[in-house]
Amino acid sequence: MNIIKIKADNIYMFRSPTSRPNIAYSVVEYAENKFGRGDISAVCKLVKQKLEEYTTPAKIIIYSGSIVTTQE
């Protein structure tokens, strides 16, 4: 699980539908760059794609492991 930097052996993944039809959750895999990152560019690319797909007044919420990476 590159996204949250934990070993796959330590994961219990579950999904259940939300009761709100206008909310969707997803997990996106990405390739790391030469600096061992790639998460920031992957998120930026996904946000751009989703904003084109869902125009104003669409909102996107991004969760991250730290304030710094969220601001990046």
Protein backbone atom coordinates (compact mmCIF):
# COMPACT_ATOMS: atom_id res chain seq x y z
CA MET A 1 0.00 0.00 0.00
CA ASN A 2 2.21 2.79 -1.32
CA ILE A 3 -0.35 5.45 -0.62
CA ILE A 4 -0.18 5.25 3.15
CA LYS A 5 3.29 3.69 3.40
CA ILE A 6 2.29 0.51 5.25
CA LYS A 7 2.90 -3.15 4.55
CA ALA A 8 0.11 -5.07 2.83
CA ASP A 9 0.32 -7.75 5.54
CA ASN A 10 -0.86 -5.19 8.12
CA ILE A 11 -3.98 -4.12 6.23
CA TYR A 12 -7.61 -4.98 6.69
CA MET A 13 -9.45 -3.26 3.86
CA PHE A 14 -13.19 -2.93 3.82
CA ARG A 15 -15.68 -1.02 1.74
CA SER A 16 -19.32 -0.38 2.16
CA PRO A 17 -21.65 1.89 0.27
CA THR A 18 -22.37 5.35 1.55
CA SER A 19 -25.95 6.41 2.04
CA ARG A 20 -25.31 9.62 0.10
CA PRO A 21 -25.52 9.21 -3.67
CA ASN A 22 -23.42 12.32 -4.33
CA ILE A 23 -20.39 10.98 -2.42
CA ALA A 24 -17.94 8.43 -3.76
CA TYR A 25 -14.81 6.92 -2.21
CA SER A 26 -11.97 5.44 -4.19
CA VAL A 27 -8.41 4.17 -3.89
CA VAL A 28 -6.02 4.98 -6.71
CA GLU A 29 -2.68 3.26 -7.23
CA TYR A 30 0.23 5.27 -8.60
CA ALA A 31 3.88 4.81 -9.54
CA GLU A 32 6.58 6.37 -7.40
CA ASN A 33 9.00 8.75 -9.06
CA LYS A 34 12.79 8.63 -8.74
CA PHE A 35 12.56 10.35 -5.34
CA GLY A 36 10.28 7.65 -3.96
CA ARG A 37 7.25 9.91 -4.30
CA GLY A 38 4.59 10.32 -6.93
CA ASP A 39 1.66 10.74 -4.62
CA ILE A 40 1.46 14.52 -5.04
CA SER A 41 1.48 14.43 -8.84
CA ALA A 42 -1.00 11.52 -8.83
CA VAL A 43 -3.41 13.47 -6.63
CA CYS A 44 -3.05 16.62 -8.75
CA LYS A 45 -3.74 14.64 -11.92
CA LEU A 46 -6.79 12.98 -10.37
CA VAL A 47 -8.19 16.27 -9.03
CA LYS A 48 -7.78 17.91 -12.45
CA GLN A 49 -9.54 14.96 -14.11
CA LYS A 50 -12.42 14.99 -11.60
CA LEU A 51 -12.90 18.77 -11.84
CA GLU A 52 -13.26 18.42 -15.60
CA GLU A 53 -15.73 15.57 -15.12
CA TYR A 54 -17.75 17.29 -12.38
CA THR A 55 -17.93 21.03 -12.98
CA THR A 56 -18.75 23.80 -10.51
CA PRO A 57 -20.08 23.61 -7.80
CA ALA A 58 -18.39 20.19 -7.38
CA LYS A 59 -16.23 19.74 -4.29
CA ILE A 60 -13.30 17.41 -3.73
CA ILE A 61 -12.01 16.41 -0.31
CA ILE A 62 -8.47 15.05 -0.06
CA TYR A 63 -7.32 13.14 3.01
CA SER A 64 -3.62 12.76 3.68
CA GLY A 65 -1.30 11.56 6.40
CA SER A 66 -0.10 15.07 7.21
CA ILE A 67 -0.99 18.73 6.78
CA VAL A 68 2.21 19.31 4.80
CA THR A 69 1.42 16.73 2.11
CA THR A 70 -2.16 17.95 1.90
CA GLN A 71 -0.94 21.50 1.29
CA GLU A 72 1.57 20.34 -1.34
